Amino acid sequence: MKTFFICYLIGMILLTLLMLIPLFKEESVYNRFVGILVMCTNVILILVLIGFVDGRKDMYVDIAISYAILGFISSVIVAKFLGSTGNKKSRGGEKNGN
């Protein structure tokens, strides 16, 4: 069973590293933001898998939960910022057009 977790862990690490390629090639801020959120989810899964392989599940699960909470809070802040700047630009364009 430990071999399965090690193989799955290696696969997830490779998948996360492959996610860096489209993350840097994308031009849109929104696509980059979604890519970062996907990588955050992969890192949480990697932390839990490391806990299963290491045999110290409780410590790594606590770290993964705190990382998930910080990731959620930061994503809400960034989404709020991106949403507010997008609305100002669209509102400004409508006011100038009238």
PDB file of N, CA and C in Angstrom:
ATOM      1  N   MET A   1       0.831  -1.203   0.000  1.00  0.00           N
ATOM      2  CA  MET A   1       0.000   0.000   0.000  1.00  0.00           C
ATOM      3  C   MET A   1       0.867   1.255   0.000  1.00  0.00           C
ATOM      4  N   LYS A   2       2.019   1.182   0.686  1.00  0.00           N
ATOM      5  CA  LYS A   2       2.907   2.332   0.721  1.00  0.00           C
ATOM      6  C   LYS A   2       3.479   2.623  -0.670  1.00  0.00           C
ATOM      7  N   THR A   3       3.693   1.583  -1.456  1.00  0.00           N
ATOM      8  CA  THR A   3       4.207   1.761  -2.814  1.00  0.00           C
ATOM      9  C   THR A   3       3.197   2.516  -3.672  1.00  0.00           C
ATOM     10  N   PHE A   4       1.924   2.225  -3.482  1.00  0.00           N
ATOM     11  CA  PHE A   4       0.880   2.935  -4.222  1.00  0.00           C
ATOM     12  C   PHE A   4       0.912   4.423  -3.908  1.00  0.00           C
ATOM     13  N   PHE A   5       1.032   4.769  -2.626  1.00  0.00           N
ATOM     14  CA  PHE A   5       1.063   6.172  -2.235  1.00  0.00           C
ATOM     15  C   PHE A   5       2.308   6.870  -2.773  1.00  0.00           C
ATOM     16  N   ILE A   6       3.435   6.171  -2.799  1.00  0.00           N
ATOM     17  CA  ILE A   6       4.662   6.763  -3.336  1.00  0.00           C
ATOM     18  C   ILE A   6       4.520   7.021  -4.834  1.00  0.00           C
ATOM     19  N   CYS A   7       3.970   6.054  -5.569  1.00  0.00           N
ATOM     20  CA  CYS A   7       3.766   6.238  -7.018  1.00  0.00           C
ATOM     21  C   CYS A   7       2.779   7.368  -7.285  1.00  0.00           C
ATOM     22  N   TYR A   8       1.723   7.427  -6.511  1.00  0.00           N
ATOM     23  CA  TYR A   8       0.727   8.489  -6.667  1.00  0.00           C
ATOM     24  C   TYR A   8       1.334   9.845  -6.320  1.00  0.00           C
ATOM     25  N   LEU A   9       2.190   9.884  -5.311  1.00  0.00           N
ATOM     26  CA  LEU A   9       2.855  11.119  -4.912  1.00  0.00           C
ATOM     27  C   LEU A   9       3.785  11.611  -6.013  1.00  0.00           C
ATOM     28  N   ILE A  10       4.541  10.719  -6.612  1.00  0.00           N
ATOM     29  CA  ILE A  10       5.435  11.097  -7.707  1.00  0.00           C
ATOM     30  C   ILE A  10       4.627  11.611  -8.902  1.00  0.00           C
ATOM     31  N   GLY A  11       3.518  10.944  -9.197  1.00  0.00           N
ATOM     32  CA  GLY A  11       2.654  11.399 -10.290  1.00  0.00           C
ATOM     33  C   GLY A  11       2.079  12.779 -10.032  1.00  0.00           C
ATOM     34  N   MET A  12       1.658  13.046  -8.805  1.00  0.00           N
ATOM     35  CA  MET A  12       1.090  14.359  -8.478  1.00  0.00           C
ATOM     36  C   MET A  12       2.156  15.448  -8.536  1.00  0.00           C
ATOM     37  N   ILE A  13       3.373  15.138  -8.114  1.00  0.00           N
ATOM     38  CA  ILE A  13       4.450  16.125  -8.189  1.00  0.00           C
ATOM     39  C   ILE A  13       4.764  16.448  -9.649  1.00  0.00           C
ATOM     40  N   LEU A  14       4.816  15.421 -10.493  1.00  0.00           N
ATOM     41  CA  LEU A  14       5.066  15.656 -11.919  1.00  0.00           C
ATOM     42  C   LEU A  14       3.929  16.454 -12.556  1.00  0.00           C
ATOM     43  N   LEU A  15       2.697  16.141 -12.190  1.00  0.00           N
ATOM     44  CA  LEU A  15       1.549  16.874 -12.719  1.00  0.00           C
ATOM     45  C   LEU A  15       1.576  18.338 -12.288  1.00  0.00           C
ATOM     46  N   THR A  16       1.968  18.588 -11.052  1.00  0.00           N
ATOM     47  CA  THR A  16       2.051  19.954 -10.548  1.00  0.00           C
ATOM     48  C   THR A  16       3.156  20.724 -11.259  1.00  0.00           C
ATOM     49  N   LEU A  17       4.280  20.060 -11.507  1.00  0.00           N
ATOM     50  CA  LEU A  17       5.359  20.721 -12.239  1.00  0.00           C
ATOM     51  C   LEU A  17       4.964  20.992 -13.688  1.00  0.00           C
ATOM     52  N   LEU A  18       4.198  20.094 -14.290  1.00  0.00           N
ATOM     53  CA  LEU A  18       3.728  20.326 -15.655  1.00  0.00           C
ATOM     54  C   LEU A  18       2.732  21.481 -15.725  1.00  0.00           C
ATOM     55  N   MET A  19       2.054  21.751 -14.622  1.00  0.00           N
ATOM     56  CA  MET A  19       1.108  22.875 -14.589  1.00  0.00           C
ATOM     57  C   MET A  19       1.820  24.213 -14.666  1.00  0.00           C
ATOM     58  N   LEU A  20       3.115  24.247 -14.380  1.00  0.00           N
ATOM     59  CA  LEU A  20       3.858  25.502 -14.459  1.00  0.00           C
ATOM     60  C   LEU A  20       3.999  26.001 -15.895  1.00  0.00           C
ATOM     61  N   ILE A  21       4.019  25.091 -16.854  1.00  0.00           N
ATOM     62  CA  ILE A  21       4.214  25.478 -18.250  1.00  0.00           C
ATOM     63  C   ILE A  21       3.065  26.355 -18.755  1.00  0.00           C
ATOM     64  N   PRO A  22       1.795  25.906 -18.684  1.00  0.00           N
ATOM     65  CA  PRO A  22       0.735  26.809 -19.160  1.00  0.00           C
ATOM     66  C   PRO A  22       0.532  28.016 -18.247  1.00  0.00           C
ATOM     67  N   LEU A  23       0.942  27.896 -16.988  1.00  0.00           N
ATOM     68  CA  LEU A  23       0.781  29.014 -16.065  1.00  0.00           C
ATOM     69  C   LEU A  23       1.621  30.202 -16.506  1.00  0.00           C
ATOM     70  N   PHE A  24       2.836  29.950 -16.974  1.00  0.00           N
ATOM     71  CA  PHE A  24       3.693  31.043 -17.418  1.00  0.00           C
ATOM     72  C   PHE A  24       3.419  31.462 -18.861  1.00  0.00           C
ATOM     73  N   LYS A  25       2.809  30.593 -19.655  1.00  0.00           N
ATOM     74  CA  LYS A  25       2.528  30.931 -21.053  1.00  0.00           C
ATOM     75  C   LYS A  25       1.224  31.693 -21.237  1.00  0.00           C
ATOM     76  N   GLU A  26       0.308  31.593 -20.296  1.00  0.00           N
ATOM     77  CA  GLU A  26      -0.986  32.272 -20.420  1.00  0.00           C
ATOM     78  C   GLU A  26      -0.797  33.785 -20.338  1.00  0.00           C
ATOM     79  N   GLU A  27      -1.587  34.502 -21.119  1.00  0.00           N
ATOM     80  CA  GLU A  27      -1.512  35.960 -21.103  1.00  0.00           C
ATOM     81  C   GLU A  27      -2.603  36.578 -20.231  1.00  0.00           C
ATOM     82  N   SER A  28      -3.696  35.879 -20.051  1.00  0.00           N
ATOM     83  CA  SER A  28      -4.814  36.415 -19.290  1.00  0.00           C
ATOM     84  C   SER A  28      -4.561  36.263 -17.790  1.00  0.00           C
ATOM     85  N   VAL A  29      -4.896  37.291 -17.050  1.00  0.00           N
ATOM     86  CA  VAL A  29      -4.730  37.254 -15.600  1.00  0.00           C
ATOM     87  C   VAL A  29      -5.668  36.215 -14.985  1.00  0.00           C
ATOM     88  N   TYR A  30      -6.850  36.083 -15.535  1.00  0.00           N
ATOM     89  CA  TYR A  30      -7.834  35.154 -14.992  1.00  0.00           C
ATOM     90  C   TYR A  30      -7.393  33.707 -15.177  1.00  0.00           C
ATOM     91  N   ASN A  31      -6.817  33.399 -16.332  1.00  0.00           N
ATOM     92  CA  ASN A  31      -6.326  32.040 -16.547  1.00  0.00           C
ATOM     93  C   ASN A  31      -5.157  31.715 -15.631  1.00  0.00           C
ATOM     94  N   ARG A  32      -4.299  32.683 -15.397  1.00  0.00           N
ATOM     95  CA  ARG A  32      -3.191  32.473 -14.463  1.00  0.00           C
ATOM     96  C   ARG A  32      -3.714  32.264 -13.044  1.00  0.00           C
ATOM     97  N   PHE A  33      -4.730  33.018 -12.684  1.00  0.00           N
ATOM     98  CA  PHE A  33      -5.301  32.885 -11.346  1.00  0.00           C
ATOM     99  C   PHE A  33      -5.920  31.505 -11.143  1.00  0.00           C
ATOM    100  N   VAL A  34      -6.626  31.007 -12.149  1.00  0.00           N
ATOM    101  CA  VAL A  34      -7.202  29.662 -12.066  1.00  0.00           C
ATOM    102  C   VAL A  34      -6.100  28.618 -12.004  1.00  0.00           C
ATOM    103  N   GLY A  35      -5.027  28.817 -12.753  1.00  0.00           N
ATOM    104  CA  GLY A  35      -3.894  27.901 -12.702  1.00  0.00           C
ATOM    105  C   GLY A  35      -3.242  27.854 -11.333  1.00  0.00           C
ATOM    106  N   ILE A  36      -3.127  28.999 -10.688  1.00  0.00           N
ATOM    107  CA  ILE A  36      -2.561  29.042  -9.336  1.00  0.00           C
ATOM    108  C   ILE A  36      -3.475  28.331  -8.349  1.00  0.00           C
ATOM    109  N   LEU A  37      -4.785  28.485  -8.489  1.00  0.00           N
ATOM    110  CA  LEU A  37      -5.720  27.795  -7.606  1.00  0.00           C
ATOM    111  C   LEU A  37      -5.648  26.284  -7.780  1.00  0.00           C
ATOM    112  N   VAL A  38      -5.481  25.826  -9.019  1.00  0.00           N
ATOM    113  CA  VAL A  38      -5.343  24.388  -9.263  1.00  0.00           C
ATOM    114  C   VAL A  38      -4.052  23.867  -8.649  1.00  0.00           C
ATOM    115  N   MET A  39      -2.986  24.641  -8.775  1.00  0.00           N
ATOM    116  CA  MET A  39      -1.721  24.220  -8.168  1.00  0.00           C
ATOM    117  C   MET A  39      -1.820  24.196  -6.647  1.00  0.00           C
ATOM    118  N   CYS A  40      -2.559  25.123  -6.075  1.00  0.00           N
ATOM    119  CA  CYS A  40      -2.763  25.138  -4.626  1.00  0.00           C
ATOM    120  C   CYS A  40      -3.469  23.866  -4.173  1.00  0.00           C
ATOM    121  N   THR A  41      -4.458  23.436  -4.927  1.00  0.00           N
ATOM    122  CA  THR A  41      -5.167  22.204  -4.610  1.00  0.00           C
ATOM    123  C   THR A  41      -4.240  20.998  -4.728  1.00  0.00           C
ATOM    124  N   ASN A  42      -3.396  20.994  -5.750  1.00  0.00           N
ATOM    125  CA  ASN A  42      -2.450  19.888  -5.918  1.00  0.00           C
ATOM    126  C   ASN A  42      -1.440  19.839  -4.771  1.00  0.00           C
ATOM    127  N   VAL A  43      -0.989  20.989  -4.306  1.00  0.00           N
ATOM    128  CA  VAL A  43      -0.034  21.028  -3.201  1.00  0.00           C
ATOM    129  C   VAL A  43      -0.675  20.492  -1.917  1.00  0.00           C
ATOM    130  N   ILE A  44      -1.938  20.792  -1.708  1.00  0.00           N
ATOM    131  CA  ILE A  44      -2.636  20.259  -0.533  1.00  0.00           C
ATOM    132  C   ILE A  44      -2.696  18.738  -0.599  1.00  0.00           C
ATOM    133  N   LEU A  45      -3.005  18.204  -1.765  1.00  0.00           N
ATOM    134  CA  LEU A  45      -3.034  16.751  -1.938  1.00  0.00           C
ATOM    135  C   LEU A  45      -1.651  16.143  -1.759  1.00  0.00           C
ATOM    136  N   ILE A  46      -0.632  16.823  -2.247  1.00  0.00           N
ATOM    137  CA  ILE A  46       0.738  16.333  -2.079  1.00  0.00           C
ATOM    138  C   ILE A  46       1.119  16.291  -0.601  1.00  0.00           C
ATOM    139  N   LEU A  47       0.737  17.308   0.148  1.00  0.00           N
ATOM    140  CA  LEU A  47       1.033  17.316   1.588  1.00  0.00           C
ATOM    141  C   LEU A  47       0.368  16.140   2.296  1.00  0.00           C
ATOM    142  N   VAL A  48      -0.867  15.859   1.959  1.00  0.00           N
ATOM    143  CA  VAL A  48      -1.566  14.730   2.592  1.00  0.00           C
ATOM    144  C   VAL A  48      -0.902  13.406   2.201  1.00  0.00           C
ATOM    145  N   LEU A  49      -0.508  13.283   0.946  1.00  0.00           N
ATOM    146  CA  LEU A  49       0.162  12.057   0.505  1.00  0.00           C
ATOM    147  C   LEU A  49       1.509  11.878   1.190  1.00  0.00           C
ATOM    148  N   ILE A  50       2.252  12.958   1.395  1.00  0.00           N
ATOM    149  CA  ILE A  50       3.516  12.869   2.123  1.00  0.00           C
ATOM    150  C   ILE A  50       3.255  12.391   3.543  1.00  0.00           C
ATOM    151  N   GLY A  51       2.167  12.851   4.134  1.00  0.00           N
ATOM    152  CA  GLY A  51       1.815  12.382   5.478  1.00  0.00           C
ATOM    153  C   GLY A  51       1.537  10.894   5.520  1.00  0.00           C
ATOM    154  N   PHE A  52       0.866  10.356   4.502  1.00  0.00           N
ATOM    155  CA  PHE A  52       0.600   8.920   4.464  1.00  0.00           C
ATOM    156  C   PHE A  52       1.885   8.129   4.261  1.00  0.00           C
ATOM    157  N   VAL A  53       2.778   8.615   3.409  1.00  0.00           N
ATOM    158  CA  VAL A  53       4.037   7.911   3.163  1.00  0.00           C
ATOM    159  C   VAL A  53       4.935   7.983   4.388  1.00  0.00           C
ATOM    160  N   ASP A  54       4.990   9.136   5.029  1.00  0.00           N
ATOM    161  CA  ASP A  54       5.861   9.334   6.191  1.00  0.00           C
ATOM    162  C   ASP A  54       5.316   8.666   7.443  1.00  0.00           C
ATOM    163  N   GLY A  55       4.018   8.404   7.493  1.00  0.00           N
ATOM    164  CA  GLY A  55       3.423   7.787   8.670  1.00  0.00           C
ATOM    165  C   GLY A  55       3.005   8.784   9.735  1.00  0.00           C
ATOM    166  N   ARG A  56       3.086  10.063   9.441  1.00  0.00           N
ATOM    167  CA  ARG A  56       2.688  11.106  10.388  1.00  0.00           C
ATOM    168  C   ARG A  56       1.528  11.898   9.783  1.00  0.00           C
ATOM    169  N   LYS A  57       0.410  11.208   9.625  1.00  0.00           N
ATOM    170  CA  LYS A  57      -0.748  11.795   8.941  1.00  0.00           C
ATOM    171  C   LYS A  57      -1.266  13.041   9.638  1.00  0.00           C
ATOM    172  N   ASP A  58      -1.324  12.992  10.967  1.00  0.00           N
ATOM    173  CA  ASP A  58      -1.949  14.093  11.704  1.00  0.00           C
ATOM    174  C   ASP A  58      -1.213  15.414  11.508  1.00  0.00           C
ATOM    175  N   MET A  59       0.109  15.385  11.496  1.00  0.00           N
ATOM    176  CA  MET A  59       0.874  16.616  11.343  1.00  0.00           C
ATOM    177  C   MET A  59       0.693  17.195   9.945  1.00  0.00           C
ATOM    178  N   TYR A  60       0.801  16.362   8.921  1.00  0.00           N
ATOM    179  CA  TYR A  60       0.703  16.850   7.554  1.00  0.00           C
ATOM    180  C   TYR A  60      -0.719  17.265   7.189  1.00  0.00           C
ATOM    181  N   VAL A  61      -1.697  16.607   7.763  1.00  0.00           N
ATOM    182  CA  VAL A  61      -3.088  17.016   7.504  1.00  0.00           C
ATOM    183  C   VAL A  61      -3.351  18.384   8.127  1.00  0.00           C
ATOM    184  N   ASP A  62      -2.803  18.640   9.308  1.00  0.00           N
ATOM    185  CA  ASP A  62      -2.954  19.957   9.922  1.00  0.00           C
ATOM    186  C   ASP A  62      -2.297  21.039   9.068  1.00  0.00           C
ATOM    187  N   ILE A  63      -1.109  20.736   8.548  1.00  0.00           N
ATOM    188  CA  ILE A  63      -0.428  21.700   7.678  1.00  0.00           C
ATOM    189  C   ILE A  63      -1.234  21.924   6.407  1.00  0.00           C
ATOM    190  N   ALA A  64      -1.787  20.852   5.838  1.00  0.00           N
ATOM    191  CA  ALA A  64      -2.581  20.976   4.610  1.00  0.00           C
ATOM    192  C   ALA A  64      -3.849  21.783   4.852  1.00  0.00           C
ATOM    193  N   ILE A  65      -4.486  21.599   6.000  1.00  0.00           N
ATOM    194  CA  ILE A  65      -5.702  22.361   6.308  1.00  0.00           C
ATOM    195  C   ILE A  65      -5.381  23.838   6.472  1.00  0.00           C
ATOM    196  N   SER A  66      -4.290  24.157   7.168  1.00  0.00           N
ATOM    197  CA  SER A  66      -3.922  25.567   7.325  1.00  0.00           C
ATOM    198  C   SER A  66      -3.531  26.182   5.986  1.00  0.00           C
ATOM    199  N   TYR A  67      -2.856  25.419   5.129  1.00  0.00           N
ATOM    200  CA  TYR A  67      -2.517  25.904   3.792  1.00  0.00           C
ATOM    201  C   TYR A  67      -3.780  26.132   2.961  1.00  0.00           C
ATOM    202  N   ALA A  68      -4.760  25.258   3.104  1.00  0.00           N
ATOM    203  CA  ALA A  68      -6.017  25.410   2.366  1.00  0.00           C
ATOM    204  C   ALA A  68      -6.771  26.652   2.833  1.00  0.00           C
ATOM    205  N   ILE A  69      -6.782  26.903   4.125  1.00  0.00           N
ATOM    206  CA  ILE A  69      -7.470  28.091   4.644  1.00  0.00           C
ATOM    207  C   ILE A  69      -6.795  29.364   4.147  1.00  0.00           C
ATOM    208  N   LEU A  70      -5.456  29.393   4.199  1.00  0.00           N
ATOM    209  CA  LEU A  70      -4.730  30.563   3.697  1.00  0.00           C
ATOM    210  C   LEU A  70      -4.943  30.737   2.190  1.00  0.00           C
ATOM    211  N   GLY A  71      -4.961  29.640   1.460  1.00  0.00           N
ATOM    212  CA  GLY A  71      -5.206  29.712   0.020  1.00  0.00           C
ATOM    213  C   GLY A  71      -6.592  30.224  -0.295  1.00  0.00           C
ATOM    214  N   PHE A  72      -7.576  29.783   0.479  1.00  0.00           N
ATOM    215  CA  PHE A  72      -8.949  30.248   0.263  1.00  0.00           C
ATOM    216  C   PHE A  72      -9.073  31.737   0.547  1.00  0.00           C
ATOM    217  N   ILE A  73      -8.513  32.189   1.652  1.00  0.00           N
ATOM    218  CA  ILE A  73      -8.603  33.607   2.008  1.00  0.00           C
ATOM    219  C   ILE A  73      -7.904  34.465   0.962  1.00  0.00           C
ATOM    220  N   SER A  74      -6.718  34.040   0.536  1.00  0.00           N
ATOM    221  CA  SER A  74      -5.999  34.833  -0.466  1.00  0.00           C
ATOM    222  C   SER A  74      -6.722  34.817  -1.813  1.00  0.00           C
ATOM    223  N   SER A  75      -7.352  33.696  -2.169  1.00  0.00           N
ATOM    224  CA  SER A  75      -8.080  33.661  -3.440  1.00  0.00           C
ATOM    225  C   SER A  75      -9.310  34.560  -3.399  1.00  0.00           C
ATOM    226  N   VAL A  76      -9.975  34.637  -2.252  1.00  0.00           N
ATOM    227  CA  VAL A  76     -11.123  35.537  -2.134  1.00  0.00           C
ATOM    228  C   VAL A  76     -10.670  36.989  -2.245  1.00  0.00           C
ATOM    229  N   ILE A  77      -9.538  37.316  -1.637  1.00  0.00           N
ATOM    230  CA  ILE A  77      -9.021  38.688  -1.703  1.00  0.00           C
ATOM    231  C   ILE A  77      -8.636  39.046  -3.128  1.00  0.00           C
ATOM    232  N   VAL A  78      -7.939  38.140  -3.813  1.00  0.00           N
ATOM    233  CA  VAL A  78      -7.522  38.420  -5.192  1.00  0.00           C
ATOM    234  C   VAL A  78      -8.740  38.491  -6.112  1.00  0.00           C
ATOM    235  N   ALA A  79      -9.712  37.609  -5.920  1.00  0.00           N
ATOM    236  CA  ALA A  79     -10.916  37.647  -6.751  1.00  0.00           C
ATOM    237  C   ALA A  79     -11.690  38.944  -6.532  1.00  0.00           C
ATOM    238  N   LYS A  80     -11.759  39.403  -5.299  1.00  0.00           N
ATOM    239  CA  LYS A  80     -12.429  40.669  -5.001  1.00  0.00           C
ATOM    240  C   LYS A  80     -11.697  41.823  -5.686  1.00  0.00           C
ATOM    241  N   PHE A  81     -10.367  41.780  -5.638  1.00  0.00           N
ATOM    242  CA  PHE A  81      -9.575  42.828  -6.282  1.00  0.00           C
ATOM    243  C   PHE A  81      -9.756  42.795  -7.796  1.00  0.00           C
ATOM    244  N   LEU A  82      -9.695  41.606  -8.394  1.00  0.00           N
ATOM    245  CA  LEU A  82      -9.859  41.500  -9.844  1.00  0.00           C
ATOM    246  C   LEU A  82     -11.272  41.882 -10.272  1.00  0.00           C
ATOM    247  N   GLY A  83     -12.263  41.535  -9.466  1.00  0.00           N
ATOM    248  CA  GLY A  83     -13.640  41.893  -9.784  1.00  0.00           C
ATOM    249  C   GLY A  83     -13.887  43.379  -9.685  1.00  0.00           C
ATOM    250  N   SER A  84     -13.272  44.028  -8.711  1.00  0.00           N
ATOM    251  CA  SER A  84     -13.500  45.465  -8.550  1.00  0.00           C
ATOM    252  C   SER A  84     -12.795  46.259  -9.635  1.00  0.00           C
ATOM    253  N   THR A  85     -11.616  45.842 -10.070  1.00  0.00           N
ATOM    254  CA  THR A  85     -10.937  46.576 -11.139  1.00  0.00           C
ATOM    255  C   THR A  85     -11.627  46.348 -12.474  1.00  0.00           C
ATOM    256  N   GLY A  86     -12.189  45.160 -12.679  1.00  0.00           N
ATOM    257  CA  GLY A  86     -12.918  44.892 -13.920  1.00  0.00           C
ATOM    258  C   GLY A  86     -14.187  45.703 -14.013  1.00  0.00           C
ATOM    259  N   ASN A  87     -14.890  45.887 -12.895  1.00  0.00           N
ATOM    260  CA  ASN A  87     -16.130  46.673 -12.901  1.00  0.00           C
ATOM    261  C   ASN A  87     -15.863  48.146 -13.156  1.00  0.00           C
ATOM    262  N   LYS A  88     -14.774  48.682 -12.629  1.00  0.00           N
ATOM    263  CA  LYS A  88     -14.465  50.086 -12.839  1.00  0.00           C
ATOM    264  C   LYS A  88     -14.160  50.355 -14.305  1.00  0.00           C
ATOM    265  N   LYS A  89     -13.457  49.432 -14.923  1.00  0.00           N
ATOM    266  CA  LYS A  89     -13.128  49.623 -16.337  1.00  0.00           C
ATOM    267  C   LYS A  89     -14.381  49.555 -17.192  1.00  0.00           C
ATOM    268  N   SER A  90     -15.260  48.609 -16.914  1.00  0.00           N
ATOM    269  CA  SER A  90     -16.469  48.488 -17.728  1.00  0.00           C
ATOM    270  C   SER A  90     -17.422  49.652 -17.465  1.00  0.00           C
ATOM    271  N   ARG A  91     -17.505  50.098 -16.241  1.00  0.00           N
ATOM    272  CA  ARG A  91     -18.377  51.232 -15.937  1.00  0.00           C
ATOM    273  C   ARG A  91     -17.848  52.516 -16.577  1.00  0.00           C
ATOM    274  N   GLY A  92     -16.528  52.662 -16.532  1.00  0.00           N
ATOM    275  CA  GLY A  92     -15.932  53.859 -17.122  1.00  0.00           C
ATOM    276  C   GLY A  92     -16.160  53.905 -18.614  1.00  0.00           C
ATOM    277  N   GLY A  93     -16.087  52.751 -19.273  1.00  0.00           N
ATOM    278  CA  GLY A  93     -16.318  52.702 -20.712  1.00  0.00           C
ATOM    279  C   GLY A  93     -17.751  53.033 -21.058  1.00  0.00           C
ATOM    280  N   GLU A  94     -18.700  52.595 -20.229  1.00  0.00           N
ATOM    281  CA  GLU A  94     -20.113  52.878 -20.497  1.00  0.00           C
ATOM    282  C   GLU A  94     -20.419  54.358 -20.273  1.00  0.00           C
ATOM    283  N   LYS A  95     -19.832  54.972 -19.267  1.00  0.00           N
ATOM    284  CA  LYS A  95     -20.105  56.388 -18.996  1.00  0.00           C
ATOM    285  C   LYS A  95     -19.518  57.271 -20.080  1.00  0.00           C
ATOM    286  N   ASN A  96     -18.335  56.897 -20.558  1.00  0.00           N
ATOM    287  CA  ASN A  96     -17.718  57.713 -21.599  1.00  0.00           C
ATOM    288  C   ASN A  96     -18.424  57.562 -22.932  1.00  0.00           C
ATOM    289  N   GLY A  97     -19.041  56.411 -23.156  1.00  0.00           N
ATOM    290  CA  GLY A  97     -19.728  56.175 -24.425  1.00  0.00           C
ATOM    291  C   GLY A  97     -21.044  56.926 -24.524  1.00  0.00           C
ATOM    292  N   ASN A  98     -21.667  57.295 -23.410  1.00  0.00           N
ATOM    293  CA  ASN A  98     -22.967  57.971 -23.423  1.00  0.00           C
ATOM    294  C   ASN A  98     -22.848  59.437 -23.589  1.00  0.00           C
TER     295      ASN A  98
END
